[in-house]
């Protein structure tokens, strides 16, 4: 590795590690867990996916989407059942990758991808507001003017510094600079240590202390499946985004296997489950992190913070981290989706808005699923509208229909409406060289058409079917001669 690339990855990893800390602590608290479980999970998942995953430059850790999924389980069953769920969820992720199902992410349309990105950008921004308050007192412990000023200063450094020099990541300079300012002037502001104390030892190996039987499986399986689906979705969509930013290609199946293995290890070493984190990935990439080393550095530093550097790290002002995450939110949001809103089909705009809204108010899995369904229904509707037929009366008195489009469940009614069995001549010919048969509904529609003409005492001939269509009709027992 070139010295310049090595230096860029190390500095990017250091910057990313600072951004990982408050997020992982906050997500652990959301899930009613010891903050160290979030940090252990971040160390294990970030390091292992960076080493063995399919997307260098992408950062994984104890993600908020995973934390929301398991809150009810922790409250009802306790931490040990959570660890078993993380273990099982990891196995499901590994199976997903080994079965080479990562390519299914191609089924996610681009408008859904834009909605996902915009939704997460809004969530990142809204999450920072939680650091502005404590209990019932807005900005408890930090005057409003001071918090606002420090956040603004942090953002200014991140935006302005790249115009002066690109030798160091601007987010790193902003965090250290504002931290030093707060320390030297003794400014009364909340720090990372006010969220939680992060001092601890090495994670230790221990299988979850639960009964290993079918009753336990029935309890943890639904949560494990949901955790795996949410984690895989967020990871694969973040992988796509990373591919676009870096203009390189990742390997989704390999990433799924590595993520699953990392979750299994996290589960047996007392850590939370996790997946790719879009905010931290954007920080890593914008700080110059492109190789595996940046993720490894970020993960290992989390462990070093826990073991040796907690007194220093706990002094980092939350205002600096909030400012950086506000910038990340702005950089993550796909502003181009607003600029082209009047240039793309209205249906695509509605999909973007719907997925963005559902992501913010529910969860990623629901949003992406709804987006895919909306996009699929829109596609089916558009395809159904494009089916048409050209009519020609032949010299022998017969009628020829030249059909164009795709015949499937949504277009069977428009297909049948093209014909007039009562008024057509005795002999009717269908030219299907430009017509595709897709499903059983298409076969049923052709059968229905034949029956209508037969009832009228007329005969229909079908020509120029593709080999695939002939096989479909033959298998269904429908005559196409």
Protein backbone atom coordinates (compact mmCIF):
# COMPACT_ATOMS: atom_id res chain seq x y z
CA UNK A 1 0.00 0.00 0.00
CA UNK A 2 1.30 3.46 -0.91
CA UNK A 3 2.23 5.71 2.07
CA UNK A 4 -0.32 8.33 0.93
CA UNK A 5 -3.11 5.74 0.76
CA UNK A 6 -2.04 4.27 4.13
CA UNK A 7 -2.12 7.69 5.78
CA UNK A 8 -5.53 8.53 4.29
CA UNK A 9 -7.06 5.26 5.51
CA UNK A 10 -5.63 5.62 9.02
CA UNK A 11 -6.90 9.21 9.42
CA UNK A 12 -10.28 8.27 7.96
CA UNK A 13 -10.53 5.35 10.38
CA UNK A 14 -9.70 7.62 13.31
CA UNK A 15 -12.38 10.12 12.26
CA UNK A 16 -14.94 7.36 11.77
CA UNK A 17 -14.22 5.88 15.20
CA UNK A 18 -15.16 9.18 16.86
CA UNK A 19 -18.42 9.20 14.90
CA UNK A 20 -19.17 5.58 15.83
CA UNK A 21 -18.93 6.15 19.58
CA UNK A 22 -22.02 8.27 20.31
CA UNK A 23 -24.16 6.42 17.78
CA UNK A 24 -23.39 2.96 19.19
CA UNK A 25 -23.84 4.15 22.77
CA UNK A 26 -27.16 5.81 21.90
CA UNK A 27 -28.43 2.72 20.07
CA UNK A 28 -27.50 0.49 23.00
CA UNK A 29 -29.43 2.77 25.35
CA UNK A 30 -32.41 2.72 22.97
CA UNK A 31 -32.37 -1.08 23.19
CA UNK A 32 -32.14 -0.95 27.02
CA UNK A 33 -28.62 -2.43 26.99
CA UNK A 34 -25.31 -1.63 28.65
CA UNK A 35 -23.49 0.86 26.36
CA UNK A 36 -20.47 -1.45 26.35
CA UNK A 37 -22.55 -4.01 24.44
CA UNK A 38 -22.96 -1.47 21.65
CA UNK A 39 -19.25 -0.67 21.64
CA UNK A 40 -18.20 -4.34 21.69
CA UNK A 41 -20.57 -4.96 18.80
CA UNK A 42 -19.11 -1.99 16.90
CA UNK A 43 -15.54 -3.21 17.44
CA UNK A 44 -16.26 -6.79 16.34
CA UNK A 45 -18.58 -6.07 13.41
CA UNK A 46 -16.65 -3.10 12.07
CA UNK A 47 -13.31 -4.93 12.19
CA UNK A 48 -14.46 -8.27 10.77
CA UNK A 49 -16.53 -6.83 7.91
CA UNK A 50 -13.64 -4.52 7.00
CA UNK A 51 -11.24 -7.46 6.89
CA UNK A 52 -13.39 -10.04 5.12
CA UNK A 53 -16.38 -8.18 3.60
CA UNK A 54 -17.04 -7.44 -0.03
CA UNK A 55 -17.00 -3.66 0.09
CA UNK A 56 -13.80 -1.88 1.24
CA UNK A 57 -14.56 1.59 2.57
CA UNK A 58 -17.96 0.68 3.96
CA UNK A 59 -18.38 0.87 7.74
CA UNK A 60 -20.58 -1.46 9.79
CA UNK A 61 -21.43 -1.37 13.46
CA UNK A 62 -24.21 -1.54 16.04
CA UNK A 63 -26.87 0.17 13.93
CA UNK A 64 -30.02 1.92 15.09
CA UNK A 65 -32.28 -0.02 12.74
CA UNK A 66 -31.18 -3.23 14.47
CA UNK A 67 -31.65 -1.73 17.93
CA UNK A 68 -35.27 -0.79 17.26
CA UNK A 69 -36.06 -4.34 16.14
CA UNK A 70 -34.96 -5.98 19.39
CA UNK A 71 -36.24 -3.55 22.04
CA UNK A 72 -39.34 -5.64 22.82
CA UNK A 73 -37.28 -8.84 23.10
CA UNK A 74 -34.83 -7.28 25.58
CA UNK A 75 -37.64 -5.89 27.72
CA UNK A 76 -39.62 -9.14 27.76
CA UNK A 77 -36.88 -11.82 27.79
CA UNK A 78 -33.60 -10.19 28.81
CA UNK A 79 -30.09 -9.79 27.45
CA UNK A 80 -29.23 -13.48 27.06
CA UNK A 81 -32.10 -14.02 24.65
CA UNK A 82 -30.89 -11.00 22.69
CA UNK A 83 -27.42 -12.54 22.33
CA UNK A 84 -28.97 -15.77 21.07
CA UNK A 85 -31.03 -13.73 18.60
CA UNK A 86 -27.90 -11.97 17.32
CA UNK A 87 -26.23 -15.36 16.87
CA UNK A 88 -29.18 -16.83 14.95
CA UNK A 89 -29.62 -13.66 12.90
CA UNK A 90 -25.95 -13.88 11.92
CA UNK A 91 -26.42 -17.46 10.74
CA UNK A 92 -29.38 -16.37 8.60
CA UNK A 93 -27.27 -13.59 7.06
CA UNK A 94 -24.49 -16.07 6.28
CA UNK A 95 -26.97 -18.44 4.64
CA UNK A 96 -28.31 -15.54 2.56
CA UNK A 97 -24.81 -14.82 1.25
CA UNK A 98 -23.82 -18.46 0.73
CA UNK A 99 -26.98 -18.99 -1.34
CA UNK A 100 -25.83 -16.03 -3.47
CA UNK A 101 -28.99 -14.03 -2.85
CA UNK A 102 -27.20 -10.68 -2.58
CA UNK A 103 -28.07 -10.05 -6.22
CA UNK A 104 -31.70 -9.59 -5.13
CA UNK A 105 -30.79 -6.02 -4.24
CA UNK A 106 -31.00 -5.36 -7.99
CA UNK A 107 -34.76 -5.70 -7.56
CA UNK A 108 -34.76 -2.43 -5.60
CA UNK A 109 -35.64 0.37 -8.08
CA UNK A 110 -33.61 3.58 -8.12
CA UNK A 111 -36.49 5.74 -6.75
CA UNK A 112 -36.68 3.36 -3.76
CA UNK A 113 -32.92 3.75 -3.29
CA UNK A 114 -33.28 7.55 -3.32
CA UNK A 115 -36.12 7.38 -0.80
CA UNK A 116 -34.03 5.12 1.45
CA UNK A 117 -31.08 7.53 1.34
CA UNK A 118 -33.25 10.60 1.97
CA UNK A 119 -35.10 8.89 4.81
CA UNK A 120 -31.90 7.88 6.56
CA UNK A 121 -30.47 11.38 6.10
CA UNK A 122 -33.52 12.83 7.85
CA UNK A 123 -33.28 10.20 10.62
CA UNK A 124 -29.59 11.06 11.15
CA UNK A 125 -30.47 14.75 11.53
CA UNK A 126 -33.42 14.12 13.83
CA UNK A 127 -31.35 11.78 16.00
CA UNK A 128 -28.93 14.62 16.75
CA UNK A 129 -31.71 16.62 18.37
CA UNK A 130 -31.78 14.03 21.17
CA UNK A 131 -28.32 15.23 22.19
CA UNK A 132 -29.72 18.71 22.72
CA UNK A 133 -31.96 17.68 25.58
CA UNK A 134 -31.87 15.70 28.77
CA UNK A 135 -35.04 14.77 30.61
CA UNK A 136 -37.47 17.70 30.55
CA UNK A 137 -34.84 20.46 30.27
CA UNK A 138 -33.92 21.55 26.76
CA UNK A 139 -30.14 21.62 26.45
CA UNK A 140 -29.71 20.62 30.10
CA UNK A 141 -26.10 21.28 31.05
CA UNK A 142 -25.34 23.42 27.98
CA UNK A 143 -26.66 26.93 27.30
CA UNK A 144 -28.56 27.19 24.04
CA UNK A 145 -26.27 29.85 22.59
CA UNK A 146 -23.16 27.80 23.41
CA UNK A 147 -24.47 24.55 21.98
CA UNK A 148 -25.63 26.31 18.81
CA UNK A 149 -22.32 28.12 18.48
CA UNK A 150 -20.18 25.00 18.91
CA UNK A 151 -22.30 23.03 16.43
CA UNK A 152 -22.08 25.90 13.92
CA UNK A 153 -18.29 26.17 14.44
CA UNK A 154 -17.88 22.44 13.86
CA UNK A 155 -19.90 22.57 10.65
CA UNK A 156 -17.98 25.64 9.46
CA UNK A 157 -14.66 23.84 9.93
CA UNK A 158 -15.89 20.78 8.04
CA UNK A 159 -17.10 22.91 5.12
CA UNK A 160 -14.24 25.44 4.95
CA UNK A 161 -11.13 23.38 5.72
CA UNK A 162 -11.17 21.36 2.45
CA UNK A 163 -10.84 24.67 0.55
CA UNK A 164 -7.61 25.39 2.44
CA UNK A 165 -6.05 21.93 2.63
CA UNK A 166 -6.95 18.31 2.02
CA UNK A 167 -4.04 16.93 4.03
CA UNK A 168 -6.27 15.89 6.94
CA UNK A 169 -9.96 14.93 7.21
CA UNK A 170 -11.97 18.06 8.08
CA UNK A 171 -14.26 16.13 10.44
CA UNK A 172 -11.25 14.99 12.49
CA UNK A 173 -9.90 18.55 12.72
CA UNK A 174 -13.35 19.82 13.71
CA UNK A 175 -13.82 17.26 16.50
CA UNK A 176 -10.32 17.74 17.95
CA UNK A 177 -10.37 21.52 17.48
CA UNK A 178 -13.72 22.08 19.17
CA UNK A 179 -12.76 19.60 21.90
CA UNK A 180 -9.55 21.52 22.60
CA UNK A 181 -11.47 24.82 22.61
CA UNK A 182 -13.95 23.50 25.17
CA UNK A 183 -11.14 22.12 27.37
CA UNK A 184 -8.93 25.24 27.30
CA UNK A 185 -11.77 27.65 28.07
CA UNK A 186 -13.65 25.34 30.43
CA UNK A 187 -16.89 25.78 28.51
CA UNK A 188 -19.92 24.20 30.21
CA UNK A 189 -21.05 21.72 27.58
CA UNK A 190 -22.11 18.08 27.64
CA UNK A 191 -19.50 15.53 26.66
CA UNK A 192 -19.45 11.93 25.52
CA UNK A 193 -18.89 10.91 29.14
CA UNK A 194 -22.28 12.38 30.05
CA UNK A 195 -23.92 9.78 27.81
CA UNK A 196 -22.13 6.81 29.39
CA UNK A 197 -18.81 5.70 30.82
CA UNK A 198 -17.03 3.61 28.23
CA UNK A 199 -14.20 2.13 30.30
CA UNK A 200 -14.16 -1.66 30.27
CA UNK A 201 -12.14 -4.80 29.61
CA UNK A 202 -11.79 -7.18 26.70
CA UNK A 203 -14.97 -8.90 25.53
CA UNK A 204 -15.11 -12.49 26.77
CA UNK A 205 -16.42 -15.58 24.99
CA UNK A 206 -19.61 -17.09 26.42
CA UNK A 207 -22.54 -18.86 24.81
CA UNK A 208 -25.90 -17.24 25.67
CA UNK A 209 -27.20 -18.57 28.99
CA UNK A 210 -30.58 -19.81 27.76
CA UNK A 211 -32.36 -23.15 27.40
CA UNK A 212 -31.37 -24.52 23.98
CA UNK A 213 -34.73 -25.98 22.96
CA UNK A 214 -37.63 -25.41 20.56
CA UNK A 215 -39.41 -23.07 22.97
CA UNK A 216 -36.42 -20.74 22.90
CA UNK A 217 -36.26 -21.00 19.11
CA UNK A 218 -39.92 -19.98 18.88
CA UNK A 219 -39.16 -16.90 20.97
CA UNK A 220 -36.02 -15.72 19.16
CA UNK A 221 -36.69 -16.84 15.56
CA UNK A 222 -39.11 -14.02 14.60
CA UNK A 223 -36.74 -11.37 15.95
CA UNK A 224 -33.71 -13.06 14.34
CA UNK A 225 -35.40 -13.19 10.93
CA UNK A 226 -36.49 -9.54 11.15
CA UNK A 227 -33.04 -8.49 12.37
CA UNK A 228 -31.38 -10.35 9.49
CA UNK A 229 -33.73 -8.85 6.89
CA UNK A 230 -33.30 -5.30 8.18
CA UNK A 231 -29.53 -5.71 8.48
CA UNK A 232 -29.16 -7.20 5.01
CA UNK A 233 -31.35 -4.54 3.42
CA UNK A 234 -29.48 -1.65 5.00
CA UNK A 235 -26.13 -3.24 4.21
CA UNK A 236 -26.88 -4.01 0.57
CA UNK A 237 -28.39 -0.58 -0.07
CA UNK A 238 -25.41 1.11 1.60
CA UNK A 239 -23.12 -1.09 -0.52
CA UNK A 240 -24.88 0.20 -3.65
CA UNK A 241 -24.45 3.77 -2.45
CA UNK A 242 -20.75 3.16 -1.73
CA UNK A 243 -20.33 1.71 -5.22
CA UNK A 244 -21.81 4.91 -6.68
CA UNK A 245 -19.65 7.23 -4.57
CA UNK A 246 -16.38 5.37 -5.22
CA UNK A 247 -17.26 4.34 -8.80
CA UNK A 248 -16.08 0.83 -8.01
CA UNK A 249 -17.87 -2.50 -7.62
CA UNK A 250 -18.46 -4.38 -4.38
CA UNK A 251 -19.41 -8.02 -3.84
CA UNK A 252 -22.78 -8.28 -2.08
CA UNK A 253 -22.73 -12.04 -1.39
CA UNK A 254 -19.30 -11.84 0.24
CA UNK A 255 -20.46 -8.88 2.31
CA UNK A 256 -23.52 -10.82 3.51
CA UNK A 257 -21.37 -13.78 4.61
CA UNK A 258 -18.89 -11.52 6.41
CA UNK A 259 -21.67 -9.55 8.11
CA UNK A 260 -23.34 -12.76 9.26
CA UNK A 261 -20.10 -14.16 10.63
CA UNK A 262 -19.39 -10.87 12.42
CA UNK A 263 -22.83 -10.96 14.06
CA UNK A 264 -22.26 -14.55 15.19
CA UNK A 265 -18.94 -13.54 16.79
CA UNK A 266 -20.57 -10.48 18.35
CA UNK A 267 -23.34 -12.64 19.82
CA UNK A 268 -20.91 -15.01 21.57
CA UNK A 269 -18.72 -12.15 22.82
CA UNK A 270 -21.50 -10.10 24.40
CA UNK A 271 -22.03 -7.53 21.65
CA UNK A 272 -25.09 -6.11 19.91
CA UNK A 273 -26.07 -7.09 16.41
CA UNK A 274 -25.20 -4.73 13.61
CA UNK A 275 -25.03 -3.92 9.92
CA UNK A 276 -23.72 -1.22 7.60
CA UNK A 277 -24.08 2.35 8.91
CA UNK A 278 -24.68 4.87 6.17
CA UNK A 279 -23.69 7.94 8.20
CA UNK A 280 -20.35 6.52 9.31
CA UNK A 281 -19.73 5.17 5.81
CA UNK A 282 -20.20 8.66 4.37
CA UNK A 283 -17.81 10.07 6.99
CA UNK A 284 -15.21 7.42 6.16
CA UNK A 285 -15.47 7.98 2.41
CA UNK A 286 -15.48 11.78 2.65
CA UNK A 287 -12.43 11.58 4.93
CA UNK A 288 -10.51 9.63 2.28
CA UNK A 289 -11.09 6.07 3.48
CA UNK A 290 -11.16 3.72 0.53
CA UNK A 291 -9.38 0.55 1.68
CA UNK A 292 -10.01 -2.16 4.25
CA UNK A 293 -7.54 -0.51 6.62
CA UNK A 294 -9.86 2.42 7.34
CA UNK A 295 -12.56 0.10 8.71
CA UNK A 296 -10.05 -1.97 10.66
CA UNK A 297 -8.58 1.17 12.25
CA UNK A 298 -12.05 2.43 13.19
CA UNK A 299 -12.98 -0.91 14.79
CA UNK A 300 -9.72 -1.44 16.66
CA UNK A 301 -9.74 2.13 17.97
CA UNK A 302 -13.17 1.51 19.51
CA UNK A 303 -11.59 -1.30 21.55
CA UNK A 304 -8.59 0.87 22.48
CA UNK A 305 -10.94 3.61 23.64
CA UNK A 306 -12.66 1.10 25.93
CA UNK A 307 -9.41 -0.35 27.31
CA UNK A 308 -7.05 2.61 27.63
CA UNK A 309 -8.33 5.96 26.38
CA UNK A 310 -11.75 6.34 27.97
CA UNK A 311 -10.77 9.33 30.19
CA UNK A 312 -9.72 11.33 27.12
CA UNK A 313 -12.49 10.16 24.80
CA UNK A 314 -15.20 10.95 27.37
CA UNK A 315 -14.12 14.62 27.21
CA UNK A 316 -15.13 14.98 23.55
CA UNK A 317 -17.97 17.53 23.44
CA UNK A 318 -21.20 16.20 22.01
CA UNK A 319 -21.63 19.48 20.14
CA UNK A 320 -18.67 18.59 17.89
CA UNK A 321 -20.07 15.15 17.10
CA UNK A 322 -23.54 16.61 16.51
CA UNK A 323 -22.10 19.15 14.10
CA UNK A 324 -20.29 16.46 12.12
CA UNK A 325 -23.43 14.32 11.91
CA UNK A 326 -25.47 17.30 10.69
CA UNK A 327 -22.95 17.67 7.85
CA UNK A 328 -23.21 13.93 7.17
CA UNK A 329 -26.99 14.25 7.00
CA UNK A 330 -26.68 17.08 4.47
CA UNK A 331 -24.16 15.13 2.38
CA UNK A 332 -26.21 11.93 2.51
CA UNK A 333 -29.49 13.48 1.35
CA UNK A 334 -29.95 13.05 -2.40
CA UNK A 335 -30.61 16.69 -3.25
CA UNK A 336 -30.66 15.77 -6.93
CA UNK A 337 -33.97 14.00 -6.28
CA UNK A 338 -35.51 17.41 -5.55
CA UNK A 339 -33.99 19.12 -8.57
CA UNK A 340 -35.32 16.51 -11.00
CA UNK A 341 -38.76 16.19 -9.40
CA UNK A 342 -40.40 17.99 -12.34
CA UNK A 343 -38.36 16.09 -14.94
CA UNK A 344 -39.09 12.46 -14.02
CA UNK A 345 -42.41 10.59 -14.10
CA UNK A 346 -44.81 11.54 -11.31
CA UNK A 347 -45.02 7.90 -10.22
CA UNK A 348 -41.29 7.83 -9.48
CA UNK A 349 -41.55 11.07 -7.48
CA UNK A 350 -44.37 9.55 -5.41
CA UNK A 351 -42.24 6.44 -4.75
CA UNK A 352 -39.34 8.60 -3.50
CA UNK A 353 -41.65 10.58 -1.20
CA UNK A 354 -43.41 7.45 0.07
CA UNK A 355 -40.20 5.55 0.88
CA UNK A 356 -38.66 8.63 2.53
CA UNK A 357 -41.73 9.15 4.72
CA UNK A 358 -42.14 5.49 5.66
CA UNK A 359 -38.41 5.21 6.50
CA UNK A 360 -38.67 8.15 8.89
CA UNK A 361 -41.86 7.05 10.64
CA UNK A 362 -41.56 3.23 10.64
CA UNK A 363 -38.49 1.21 9.71
CA UNK A 364 -36.26 0.50 6.76
CA UNK A 365 -37.61 -2.97 5.95
CA UNK A 366 -41.20 -1.71 5.79
CA UNK A 367 -40.18 1.30 3.70
CA UNK A 368 -38.21 -0.68 1.13
CA UNK A 369 -40.91 -3.36 0.91
CA UNK A 370 -43.62 -0.73 0.36
CA UNK A 371 -41.43 1.04 -2.17
CA UNK A 372 -40.83 -2.14 -4.16
CA UNK A 373 -44.55 -2.98 -4.12
CA UNK A 374 -45.49 0.54 -5.27
CA UNK A 375 -42.84 0.49 -7.99
CA UNK A 376 -43.88 -3.00 -9.12
CA UNK A 377 -47.55 -2.02 -9.31
CA UNK A 378 -46.63 1.10 -11.24
CA UNK A 379 -44.51 -0.96 -13.65
CA UNK A 380 -47.34 -3.48 -14.12
CA UNK A 381 -49.80 -0.66 -14.79
CA UNK A 382 -47.51 0.98 -17.35
CA UNK A 383 -46.81 -2.32 -19.11
CA UNK A 384 -50.52 -3.15 -19.23
CA UNK A 385 -51.28 0.19 -20.88
CA UNK A 386 -48.70 -0.44 -23.60
CA UNK A 387 -50.45 -3.53 -25.00
CA UNK A 388 -52.21 -2.83 -28.30
CA UNK A 389 -53.18 -4.46 -31.59
CA UNK A 390 -53.10 -3.37 -35.24
CA UNK A 391 -56.08 -4.66 -37.26
CA UNK A 392 -55.98 -5.55 -40.97
CA UNK A 393 -58.62 -7.07 -43.27
CA UNK A 394 -56.98 -9.55 -45.63
CA UNK A 395 -57.91 -10.09 -49.30
CA UNK A 396 -59.52 -13.46 -48.48
CA UNK A 397 -61.92 -11.79 -46.04
CA UNK A 398 -60.10 -12.88 -42.89
CA UNK A 399 -58.91 -10.48 -40.20
CA UNK A 400 -55.32 -10.14 -38.94
CA UNK A 401 -54.41 -8.78 -35.52
CA UNK A 402 -50.76 -7.77 -35.02
CA UNK A 403 -50.26 -7.72 -31.25
CA UNK A 404 -47.64 -5.67 -29.42
CA UNK A 405 -46.67 -5.63 -25.74
CA UNK A 406 -46.57 -7.99 -22.79
CA UNK A 407 -49.44 -10.26 -21.84
CA UNK A 408 -49.57 -10.91 -18.09
CA UNK A 409 -52.00 -10.65 -15.19
CA UNK A 410 -52.42 -6.86 -15.43
CA UNK A 411 -52.91 -6.73 -19.20
CA UNK A 412 -55.36 -9.58 -19.79
CA UNK A 413 -58.41 -7.28 -19.78
CA UNK A 414 -56.88 -4.78 -22.28
CA UNK A 415 -55.85 -7.81 -24.39
CA UNK A 416 -59.35 -9.27 -24.53
CA UNK A 417 -60.85 -5.83 -25.23
CA UNK A 418 -58.86 -5.64 -28.48
CA UNK A 419 -61.14 -8.22 -30.11
CA UNK A 420 -64.75 -8.32 -31.31
CA UNK A 421 -65.83 -11.98 -31.73
CA UNK A 422 -69.42 -11.03 -32.59
CA UNK A 423 -68.53 -8.85 -35.59
CA UNK A 424 -65.21 -10.33 -36.75
CA UNK A 425 -65.13 -12.56 -39.85
CA UNK A 426 -65.12 -16.36 -39.67
CA UNK A 427 -61.35 -16.59 -39.76
CA UNK A 428 -59.16 -14.56 -37.40
CA UNK A 429 -55.35 -14.65 -37.25
CA UNK A 430 -53.17 -13.45 -34.37
CA UNK A 431 -49.61 -12.39 -35.21
CA UNK A 432 -47.72 -12.67 -31.89
CA UNK A 433 -44.16 -11.97 -33.01
CA UNK A 434 -44.20 -8.76 -30.91
CA UNK A 435 -46.22 -10.19 -28.01
CA UNK A 436 -44.68 -11.83 -24.93
CA UNK A 437 -46.54 -14.35 -22.76
CA UNK A 438 -45.34 -14.04 -19.15
CA UNK A 439 -47.55 -15.98 -16.74
CA UNK A 440 -50.52 -18.29 -16.38
CA UNK A 441 -52.90 -15.33 -16.64
CA UNK A 442 -51.64 -14.83 -20.21
CA UNK A 443 -52.37 -18.47 -21.06
CA UNK A 444 -55.82 -18.21 -19.48
CA UNK A 445 -56.51 -15.05 -21.51
CA UNK A 446 -55.64 -16.79 -24.79
CA UNK A 447 -57.80 -19.75 -23.82
CA UNK A 448 -60.69 -17.40 -22.99
CA UNK A 449 -60.29 -15.66 -26.36
CA UNK A 450 -60.46 -18.96 -28.23
CA UNK A 451 -63.59 -19.94 -26.31
CA UNK A 452 -65.29 -16.63 -27.17
CA UNK A 453 -64.61 -17.06 -30.87
CA UNK A 454 -65.63 -20.74 -30.74
CA UNK A 455 -68.91 -19.73 -29.10
CA UNK A 456 -69.48 -17.35 -32.01
CA UNK A 457 -68.74 -20.22 -34.43
CA UNK A 458 -65.41 -18.75 -35.56
CA UNK A 459 -61.83 -19.98 -35.66
CA UNK A 460 -58.66 -18.31 -34.34
CA UNK A 461 -55.14 -19.12 -35.55
CA UNK A 462 -52.00 -17.99 -33.72
CA UNK A 463 -48.69 -17.43 -35.53
CA UNK A 464 -45.13 -16.39 -34.71
CA UNK A 465 -45.10 -17.42 -31.08
CA UNK A 466 -41.67 -17.48 -29.43
CA UNK A 467 -40.30 -20.83 -28.34
CA UNK A 468 -40.79 -19.84 -24.72
CA UNK A 469 -44.45 -19.00 -25.33
CA UNK A 470 -44.98 -22.31 -27.17
CA UNK A 471 -43.54 -24.21 -24.21
CA UNK A 472 -45.78 -22.33 -21.77
CA UNK A 473 -48.88 -23.09 -23.84
CA UNK A 474 -47.91 -26.72 -24.40
CA UNK A 475 -47.31 -27.23 -20.69
CA UNK A 476 -50.73 -25.73 -19.94
CA UNK A 477 -52.39 -27.89 -22.60
CA UNK A 478 -53.55 -24.96 -24.72
CA UNK A 479 -53.60 -25.41 -28.49
CA UNK A 480 -51.77 -22.62 -30.33
CA UNK A 481 -52.25 -23.81 -33.92
